[in-house]
Amino acid sequence: MSGERHGFTGERLRSYMRVDTVLFSVVLLLTGVGLAVLLSASYLKAELYQASPYYYFNSQLSRLAIGAVLGAAAFAVPVRSWMRAAPLVGGLTVALLLLPFVPGFQYQAMGASRWIQVAGISLQPSEFAKIGIVVYMAWSLSSKGELARGFWYGFFTHTVVIAVFAGLIILERDLGGAIVACLIMAGMIFASGLRWRYIALYAGLIAAASWQFVVSYGYRVARIRGWMDPWADPYGAGYVILHSFYAFANGGVFGMGPGEGLEKQFFIPEIHTDYIFAVVGEELGFAGVALVAGLFLAFALRGLYIAKAAPRLPHYYIAVGATLAVAGPAFINMAVALSIVPAKGLALPFFSHGGSNLVSCLFCTGLLMRIAADGWADQEEEGVPAFGQQAPAPAGGRA
């Protein structure tokens, strides 16, 4: 980084510590609305099964505090340091994904081994693996430069990387987490300018793999059938889908009002996690749905703007990956609640109860803010290329 080469002036230090107020405001709104919706969605279950109706809300607040500290740490660490540590980060990510299979760390729930337990606290490794994947892929793509657009150093090498990370997550019986990991890696590879014929090959491989993973398990086939025609099995595979429909129908334009929703009264199981967007639709109506979707769209657009304006290739790739790590699962979760795509257990960032997801999203936000601040600092430093000048060519590259 140029400031580290030439020393910090007072002006550059101010630029280096500058916070992206647009991104910060969007995340602040998402977090505030998310906490309010979570409290409404969870207090009945917490009152019945836990010591306090505020159990899940208080739990989320404590994770929010941890995430804020780690997000600030991500903002404080220079991208150059992440790139130096990237191979180690990649190795630690693989080790983290292996922990659910290590005796003493194993924590199974609902037939899956996607969690670990440390000091009585359950963590989901695939959520933290998203950060490691972003850092490692940014290092790999930026270090290869133009070669990342070709077959051996672009397509083949990164296909192996995708197979390793996504394969370990699939072994944990976490297909949703594997889909998100593939989305992040494929999106970053696409952003590198990989040639179109290899992108088409990726699309074919992903389609074939997805088909195989679906048809290999009967419950996934039933889930697809329930999505296609939920009324055919209204008390089985179509049950949650239909009740999610009812929630959005009840909400109308402006909703039933905060706390007044009916479907959260034990009609939709685990509504404070996977289907919390249905609470938004029922209690805040179309207006609330549009607000929340608009905030996530604003996050995605701001993240991509930061990527486009990034001063260096590593910054560019980290910004793309961090944006996908937050916005990708958000749009998938909302699409599931609206039955646009088949059901998949993914959290809605900043809304769903779950400390691992919240912490990882705030960490990714910190990374994005670091990159935005670096861009401003380099732009104002005399002799440094203009903001965004070194971003790679659009995806597709040369034929």
Protein backbone atom coordinates (compact mmCIF):
# COMPACT_ATOMS: atom_id res chain seq x y z
CA MET A 1 0.00 0.00 0.00
CA SER A 2 1.34 3.38 -0.96
CA GLY A 3 0.77 4.92 2.45
CA GLU A 4 2.94 2.23 4.01
CA ARG A 5 5.69 2.97 1.46
CA HIS A 6 5.70 6.72 1.83
CA GLY A 7 4.50 7.10 5.41
CA PHE A 8 1.23 8.46 6.67
CA THR A 9 0.53 12.14 6.46
CA GLY A 10 -2.26 13.49 8.61
CA GLU A 11 -4.48 13.84 5.54
CA ARG A 12 -3.77 10.30 4.35
CA LEU A 13 -4.35 8.87 7.80
CA ARG A 14 -7.77 10.54 7.85
CA SER A 15 -8.54 9.02 4.44
CA TYR A 16 -7.24 5.64 5.57
CA MET A 17 -9.62 5.66 8.55
CA ARG A 18 -12.58 7.05 6.60
CA VAL A 19 -15.79 5.06 6.99
CA ASP A 20 -18.10 4.43 4.04
CA THR A 21 -21.19 6.13 5.44
CA VAL A 22 -23.50 4.66 2.78
CA LEU A 23 -22.53 1.07 3.55
CA PHE A 24 -22.48 1.76 7.28
CA SER A 25 -25.97 3.26 7.16
CA VAL A 26 -27.37 0.33 5.17
CA VAL A 27 -25.89 -2.22 7.58
CA LEU A 28 -27.09 -0.21 10.57
CA LEU A 29 -30.65 -0.21 9.19
CA LEU A 30 -30.52 -3.92 8.35
CA THR A 31 -29.27 -4.72 11.84
CA GLY A 32 -31.88 -2.57 13.58
CA VAL A 33 -34.82 -3.85 11.55
CA GLY A 34 -33.45 -7.38 11.82
CA LEU A 35 -33.33 -7.26 15.62
CA ALA A 36 -36.89 -5.94 15.81
CA VAL A 37 -38.20 -8.66 13.48
CA LEU A 38 -36.26 -11.36 15.33
CA LEU A 39 -37.75 -10.28 18.65
CA SER A 40 -41.24 -10.50 17.19
CA ALA A 41 -40.56 -13.85 15.51
CA SER A 42 -38.93 -15.54 18.51
CA TYR A 43 -40.51 -14.34 21.72
CA LEU A 44 -43.34 -16.93 21.76
CA LYS A 45 -40.96 -19.84 21.29
CA ALA A 46 -38.51 -18.38 23.79
CA GLU A 47 -41.27 -17.87 26.34
CA LEU A 48 -42.40 -21.48 25.97
CA TYR A 49 -39.07 -23.29 25.75
CA GLN A 50 -36.50 -20.94 27.33
CA ALA A 51 -36.13 -19.03 30.57
CA SER A 52 -37.12 -15.69 29.07
CA PRO A 53 -39.13 -14.43 26.07
CA TYR A 54 -36.06 -12.37 25.22
CA TYR A 55 -33.72 -15.38 25.11
CA TYR A 56 -33.07 -15.38 21.35
CA PHE A 57 -33.04 -11.59 21.18
CA ASN A 58 -30.46 -11.30 23.97
CA SER A 59 -28.41 -14.06 22.38
CA GLN A 60 -28.39 -12.14 19.10
CA LEU A 61 -27.37 -8.95 20.88
CA SER A 62 -24.34 -10.66 22.42
CA ARG A 63 -23.32 -12.02 18.99
CA LEU A 64 -23.84 -8.55 17.54
CA ALA A 65 -21.32 -7.15 20.02
CA ILE A 66 -18.78 -9.84 19.07
CA GLY A 67 -19.41 -9.25 15.38
CA ALA A 68 -18.99 -5.50 15.76
CA VAL A 69 -15.59 -5.99 17.43
CA LEU A 70 -14.43 -8.45 14.75
CA GLY A 71 -15.78 -6.20 12.00
CA ALA A 72 -13.75 -3.33 13.43
CA ALA A 73 -10.72 -5.63 13.49
CA ALA A 74 -11.28 -6.50 9.82
CA PHE A 75 -11.41 -2.78 9.05
CA ALA A 76 -8.12 -2.22 10.90
CA VAL A 77 -6.08 -4.93 9.14
CA PRO A 78 -4.45 -3.87 5.83
CA VAL A 79 -5.32 -5.94 2.77
CA ARG A 80 -1.59 -6.54 2.24
CA SER A 81 -1.53 -8.47 5.52
CA TRP A 82 -4.46 -10.64 4.42
CA MET A 83 -2.66 -11.44 1.16
CA ARG A 84 0.52 -12.43 2.97
CA ALA A 85 -1.45 -14.76 5.23
CA ALA A 86 -3.82 -16.08 2.51
CA PRO A 87 -2.21 -19.55 2.04
CA LEU A 88 -2.31 -20.05 5.81
CA VAL A 89 -5.91 -18.77 5.90
CA GLY A 90 -6.84 -21.31 3.20
CA GLY A 91 -5.26 -24.14 5.17
CA LEU A 92 -6.96 -23.06 8.39
CA THR A 93 -10.30 -22.92 6.55
CA VAL A 94 -9.89 -26.54 5.45
CA ALA A 95 -9.00 -27.50 9.03
CA LEU A 96 -12.03 -25.61 10.33
CA LEU A 97 -14.33 -27.49 7.95
CA LEU A 98 -12.87 -30.79 9.19
CA LEU A 99 -13.59 -30.02 12.87
CA PRO A 100 -17.22 -31.30 12.78
CA PHE A 101 -15.78 -34.77 12.18
CA VAL A 102 -13.29 -34.59 15.08
CA PRO A 103 -14.41 -36.25 18.34
CA GLY A 104 -14.79 -33.67 21.06
CA PHE A 105 -15.93 -30.97 18.65
CA GLN A 106 -18.83 -32.81 17.01
CA TYR A 107 -22.28 -31.38 17.49
CA GLN A 108 -25.09 -32.92 15.47
CA ALA A 109 -28.57 -31.50 15.03
CA MET A 110 -31.41 -32.45 12.68
CA GLY A 111 -29.29 -35.23 11.15
CA ALA A 112 -26.48 -32.90 10.06
CA SER A 113 -22.91 -32.45 11.30
CA ARG A 114 -22.54 -28.82 10.30
CA TRP A 115 -21.81 -27.44 13.80
CA ILE A 116 -19.04 -27.70 16.34
CA GLN A 117 -19.21 -27.00 20.05
CA VAL A 118 -16.49 -25.09 21.88
CA ALA A 119 -16.82 -24.26 25.58
CA GLY A 120 -20.55 -24.94 25.40
CA ILE A 121 -21.03 -22.60 22.42
CA SER A 122 -22.14 -24.02 19.06
CA LEU A 123 -20.52 -22.58 15.94
CA GLN A 124 -21.13 -23.25 12.26
CA PRO A 125 -17.77 -23.62 10.48
CA SER A 126 -19.21 -23.05 6.99
CA GLU A 127 -20.21 -19.51 8.00
CA PHE A 128 -16.67 -18.60 9.03
CA ALA A 129 -15.27 -20.54 6.08
CA LYS A 130 -16.86 -17.92 3.80
CA ILE A 131 -14.31 -15.40 5.06
CA GLY A 132 -11.40 -17.79 4.48
CA ILE A 133 -12.70 -18.59 0.99
CA VAL A 134 -12.92 -14.89 0.07
CA VAL A 135 -9.37 -14.17 1.28
CA TYR A 136 -7.83 -17.27 -0.31
CA MET A 137 -9.58 -16.79 -3.66
CA ALA A 138 -8.61 -13.09 -3.72
CA TRP A 139 -4.96 -14.05 -3.24
CA SER A 140 -5.10 -16.87 -5.80
CA LEU A 141 -6.82 -14.81 -8.50
CA SER A 142 -4.78 -11.63 -8.00
CA SER A 143 -1.46 -13.49 -7.91
CA LYS A 144 -2.22 -15.18 -11.26
CA GLY A 145 -3.22 -11.94 -13.01
CA GLU A 146 -4.08 -12.52 -16.68
CA LEU A 147 -3.41 -16.26 -16.29
CA ALA A 148 -6.56 -16.51 -14.16
CA ARG A 149 -8.59 -16.17 -17.36
CA GLY A 150 -7.19 -19.31 -18.97
CA PHE A 151 -7.72 -23.04 -18.56
CA TRP A 152 -4.93 -24.35 -16.30
CA TYR A 153 -4.40 -21.41 -13.94
CA GLY A 154 -7.97 -20.20 -14.09
CA PHE A 155 -10.55 -22.90 -14.72
CA PHE A 156 -8.72 -26.07 -13.69
CA THR A 157 -6.92 -24.76 -10.59
CA HIS A 158 -10.00 -23.09 -9.17
CA THR A 159 -12.23 -26.05 -9.99
CA VAL A 160 -10.04 -28.05 -7.62
CA VAL A 161 -10.35 -25.30 -4.99
CA ILE A 162 -14.15 -25.29 -5.35
CA ALA A 163 -14.22 -29.09 -5.07
CA VAL A 164 -12.20 -29.04 -1.84
CA PHE A 165 -14.11 -26.31 0.00
CA ALA A 166 -17.61 -27.18 -1.24
CA GLY A 167 -16.96 -30.92 -0.91
CA LEU A 168 -16.08 -30.61 2.77
CA ILE A 169 -19.23 -28.57 3.43
CA ILE A 170 -21.36 -31.15 1.60
CA LEU A 171 -19.87 -33.89 3.80
CA GLU A 172 -21.29 -31.94 6.76
CA ARG A 173 -24.74 -32.38 5.18
CA ASP A 174 -24.93 -28.64 4.57
CA LEU A 175 -26.00 -28.29 0.95
CA GLY A 176 -27.06 -24.68 1.50
CA GLY A 177 -23.61 -23.76 2.82
CA ALA A 178 -22.00 -25.53 -0.16
CA ILE A 179 -24.22 -23.57 -2.56
CA VAL A 180 -23.13 -20.30 -0.94
CA ALA A 181 -19.45 -21.31 -1.08
CA CYS A 182 -19.81 -22.17 -4.79
CA LEU A 183 -21.64 -18.89 -5.39
CA ILE A 184 -18.82 -16.89 -3.79
CA MET A 185 -16.03 -18.71 -5.62
CA ALA A 186 -17.81 -18.83 -8.98
CA GLY A 187 -18.68 -15.13 -8.68
CA MET A 188 -15.07 -14.18 -7.95
CA ILE A 189 -13.84 -16.33 -10.84
CA PHE A 190 -16.41 -14.72 -13.13
CA ALA A 191 -15.21 -11.29 -12.00
CA SER A 192 -11.65 -12.23 -12.99
CA GLY A 193 -12.64 -12.22 -16.67
CA LEU A 194 -12.60 -15.99 -17.15
CA ARG A 195 -13.30 -16.83 -20.79
CA TRP A 196 -16.90 -17.51 -21.65
CA ARG A 197 -16.39 -21.09 -22.76
CA TYR A 198 -15.07 -21.97 -19.31
CA ILE A 199 -17.95 -20.13 -17.66
CA ALA A 200 -20.34 -22.25 -19.74
CA LEU A 201 -18.43 -25.35 -18.65
CA TYR A 202 -18.78 -24.28 -15.01
CA ALA A 203 -22.52 -23.85 -15.49
CA GLY A 204 -22.78 -27.39 -16.87
CA LEU A 205 -20.71 -28.89 -14.06
CA ILE A 206 -22.70 -27.08 -11.38
CA ALA A 207 -26.01 -28.14 -12.95
CA ALA A 208 -24.87 -31.79 -13.14
CA ALA A 209 -23.57 -31.78 -9.58
CA SER A 210 -26.73 -30.14 -8.24
CA TRP A 211 -28.89 -32.73 -10.00
CA GLN A 212 -26.84 -35.56 -8.55
CA PHE A 213 -26.98 -34.20 -5.00
CA VAL A 214 -30.75 -33.76 -5.25
CA VAL A 215 -31.67 -37.15 -6.69
CA SER A 216 -29.32 -38.98 -4.31
CA TYR A 217 -31.53 -38.15 -1.33
CA GLY A 218 -35.24 -38.89 -1.26
CA TYR A 219 -36.10 -36.01 1.06
CA ARG A 220 -34.58 -33.53 -1.39
CA VAL A 221 -36.66 -34.96 -4.23
CA ALA A 222 -39.75 -34.64 -2.02
CA ARG A 223 -38.80 -31.05 -1.26
CA ILE A 224 -38.57 -30.24 -4.97
CA ARG A 225 -41.95 -31.85 -5.61
CA GLY A 226 -43.45 -29.96 -2.69
CA TRP A 227 -42.10 -26.71 -4.12
CA MET A 228 -43.53 -27.45 -7.56
CA ASP A 229 -46.99 -28.28 -6.21
CA PRO A 230 -47.34 -27.56 -2.46
CA TRP A 231 -51.10 -28.17 -2.55
CA ALA A 232 -50.50 -31.82 -3.51
CA ASP A 233 -49.11 -32.49 -0.01
CA PRO A 234 -50.38 -29.65 2.19
CA TYR A 235 -49.49 -31.38 5.47
CA GLY A 236 -46.14 -32.73 4.31
CA ALA A 237 -43.66 -31.35 1.80
CA GLY A 238 -45.90 -28.37 0.97
CA TYR A 239 -46.78 -27.40 4.55
CA VAL A 240 -44.16 -24.73 5.21
CA ILE A 241 -44.48 -23.28 1.71
CA LEU A 242 -48.24 -22.86 2.05
CA HIS A 243 -47.99 -21.24 5.47
CA SER A 244 -45.35 -18.88 4.13
CA PHE A 245 -47.84 -17.95 1.40
CA TYR A 246 -50.47 -17.34 4.07
CA ALA A 247 -48.08 -15.04 5.93
CA PHE A 248 -47.45 -12.84 2.91
CA ALA A 249 -51.16 -12.87 2.01
CA ASN A 250 -52.09 -11.81 5.57
CA GLY A 251 -49.65 -8.91 5.37
CA GLY A 252 -51.20 -7.16 2.41
CA VAL A 253 -49.68 -3.78 1.63
CA PHE A 254 -48.76 -2.46 5.08
CA GLY A 255 -48.89 -5.60 7.24
CA MET A 256 -50.77 -6.64 10.35
CA GLY A 257 -48.47 -4.58 12.54
CA PRO A 258 -45.31 -5.39 14.52
CA GLY A 259 -45.90 -8.34 16.84
CA GLU A 260 -49.34 -9.11 15.38
CA GLY A 261 -48.43 -11.92 13.00
CA LEU A 262 -50.28 -15.25 13.17
CA GLU A 263 -48.02 -17.67 11.32
CA LYS A 264 -45.22 -17.30 13.89
CA GLN A 265 -47.56 -18.87 16.43
CA PHE A 266 -46.02 -22.31 15.79
CA PHE A 267 -47.47 -22.76 12.29
CA ILE A 268 -44.08 -22.32 10.61
CA PRO A 269 -41.36 -24.27 12.42
CA GLU A 270 -38.10 -22.42 13.18
CA ILE A 271 -39.59 -19.20 11.84
CA HIS A 272 -36.95 -17.19 13.69
CA THR A 273 -34.26 -18.68 11.40
CA ASP A 274 -34.91 -19.92 7.85
CA TYR A 275 -38.36 -18.35 7.28
CA ILE A 276 -38.02 -15.10 9.20
CA PHE A 277 -38.71 -13.17 5.98
CA ALA A 278 -42.30 -14.47 6.21
CA VAL A 279 -42.62 -12.50 9.47
CA VAL A 280 -41.53 -9.39 7.57
CA GLY A 281 -44.21 -10.04 4.97
CA GLU A 282 -46.98 -10.69 7.48
CA GLU A 283 -46.29 -7.94 10.00
CA LEU A 284 -44.84 -5.22 7.74
CA GLY A 285 -46.59 -6.13 4.49
CA PHE A 286 -45.40 -5.41 0.98
CA ALA A 287 -43.94 -2.12 2.22
CA GLY A 288 -41.70 -3.98 4.67
CA VAL A 289 -40.74 -6.60 2.10
CA ALA A 290 -39.78 -3.86 -0.35
CA LEU A 291 -37.79 -2.04 2.35
CA VAL A 292 -35.80 -5.11 3.38
CA ALA A 293 -35.19 -6.27 -0.19
CA GLY A 294 -34.21 -2.72 -1.11
CA LEU A 295 -31.69 -2.54 1.73
CA PHE A 296 -30.05 -5.79 0.62
CA LEU A 297 -30.00 -4.51 -2.96
CA ALA A 298 -28.37 -1.31 -1.71
CA PHE A 299 -25.77 -3.40 0.14
CA ALA A 300 -25.03 -5.39 -3.03
CA LEU A 301 -24.78 -2.31 -5.25
CA ARG A 302 -22.58 -0.45 -2.77
CA GLY A 303 -20.33 -3.49 -2.41
CA LEU A 304 -19.95 -3.80 -6.17
CA TYR A 305 -19.29 -0.06 -6.43
CA ILE A 306 -16.52 -0.43 -3.85
CA ALA A 307 -15.14 -3.35 -5.88
CA LYS A 308 -15.22 -1.34 -9.11
CA ALA A 309 -13.42 1.54 -7.41
CA ALA A 310 -10.88 -0.71 -5.66
CA PRO A 311 -7.26 0.50 -5.95
CA ARG A 312 -5.63 -2.95 -6.33
CA LEU A 313 -6.58 -6.38 -7.65
CA PRO A 314 -6.64 -8.04 -4.18
CA HIS A 315 -8.95 -5.28 -2.97
CA TYR A 316 -11.19 -5.80 -6.00
CA TYR A 317 -11.54 -9.53 -5.45
CA ILE A 318 -12.10 -9.26 -1.70
CA ALA A 319 -14.83 -6.67 -2.27
CA VAL A 320 -16.58 -8.91 -4.82
CA GLY A 321 -16.34 -11.94 -2.54
CA ALA A 322 -17.43 -10.14 0.63
CA THR A 323 -20.43 -8.66 -1.19
CA LEU A 324 -21.48 -12.08 -2.48
CA ALA A 325 -20.99 -13.65 0.96
CA VAL A 326 -23.67 -11.36 2.43
CA ALA A 327 -25.99 -10.49 -0.44
CA GLY A 328 -26.05 -13.94 -2.07
CA PRO A 329 -27.59 -15.83 0.88
CA ALA A 330 -29.93 -12.91 1.53
CA PHE A 331 -31.52 -13.05 -1.92
CA ILE A 332 -31.67 -16.86 -1.82
CA ASN A 333 -33.39 -16.79 1.59
CA MET A 334 -35.97 -14.24 0.41
CA ALA A 335 -36.57 -16.24 -2.77
CA VAL A 336 -37.14 -19.40 -0.68
CA ALA A 337 -39.68 -17.64 1.57
CA LEU A 338 -41.53 -16.46 -1.54
CA SER A 339 -41.22 -19.96 -3.11
CA ILE A 340 -39.35 -18.59 -6.10
CA VAL A 341 -36.74 -21.32 -5.57
CA PRO A 342 -36.97 -24.65 -3.66
CA ALA A 343 -36.56 -24.59 0.11
CA LYS A 344 -33.00 -24.52 1.41
CA GLY A 345 -31.87 -23.87 4.93
CA LEU A 346 -30.05 -20.55 4.68
CA ALA A 347 -30.13 -17.72 7.19
CA LEU A 348 -31.29 -14.24 6.26
CA PRO A 349 -28.25 -12.05 7.14
CA PHE A 350 -28.81 -9.61 10.02
CA PHE A 351 -32.30 -11.08 10.64
CA SER A 352 -32.16 -14.83 11.33
CA HIS A 353 -31.10 -15.99 14.77
CA GLY A 354 -27.61 -17.39 14.53
CA GLY A 355 -24.39 -15.97 15.87
CA SER A 356 -22.06 -17.51 13.29
CA ASN A 357 -23.91 -15.91 10.39
CA LEU A 358 -24.19 -12.50 12.05
CA VAL A 359 -20.51 -12.41 13.01
CA SER A 360 -19.34 -13.47 9.53
CA CYS A 361 -21.56 -10.84 7.87
CA LEU A 362 -20.24 -8.06 10.08
CA PHE A 363 -16.68 -9.23 9.39
CA CYS A 364 -17.35 -9.05 5.64
CA THR A 365 -18.75 -5.56 6.15
CA GLY A 366 -15.51 -4.58 7.89
CA LEU A 367 -13.53 -5.90 4.91
CA LEU A 368 -15.62 -3.83 2.50
CA MET A 369 -15.11 -0.70 4.59
CA ARG A 370 -11.35 -1.31 4.67
CA ILE A 371 -11.27 -1.50 0.87
CA ALA A 372 -13.36 1.65 0.47
CA ALA A 373 -11.06 3.54 2.85
CA ASP A 374 -7.95 2.30 1.00
CA GLY A 375 -9.45 3.53 -2.25
CA TRP A 376 -10.03 7.02 -0.90
CA ALA A 377 -6.56 7.13 0.61
CA ASP A 378 -4.88 6.07 -2.63
CA GLN A 379 -7.01 8.43 -4.69
CA GLU A 380 -5.87 11.38 -2.60
CA GLU A 381 -2.22 10.31 -2.58
CA GLU A 382 -0.23 12.11 -5.29
CA GLY A 383 1.13 9.77 -7.95
CA VAL A 384 -1.14 6.85 -7.11
CA PRO A 385 -3.40 5.47 -9.92
CA ALA A 386 -6.95 6.76 -9.91
CA PHE A 387 -9.62 5.07 -7.86
CA GLY A 388 -10.58 1.83 -9.63
CA GLN A 389 -7.99 2.04 -12.42
CA GLN A 390 -6.53 -1.41 -11.76
CA ALA A 391 -9.76 -3.40 -11.74
CA PRO A 392 -9.70 -6.25 -14.30
CA ALA A 393 -11.62 -6.32 -17.54
CA PRO A 394 -15.24 -7.47 -17.52
CA ALA A 395 -15.93 -11.19 -17.23
CA GLY A 396 -15.47 -13.16 -20.41
CA GLY A 397 -12.01 -11.87 -21.27
CA ARG A 398 -10.60 -12.62 -24.69
CA ALA A 399 -12.21 -15.31 -26.82
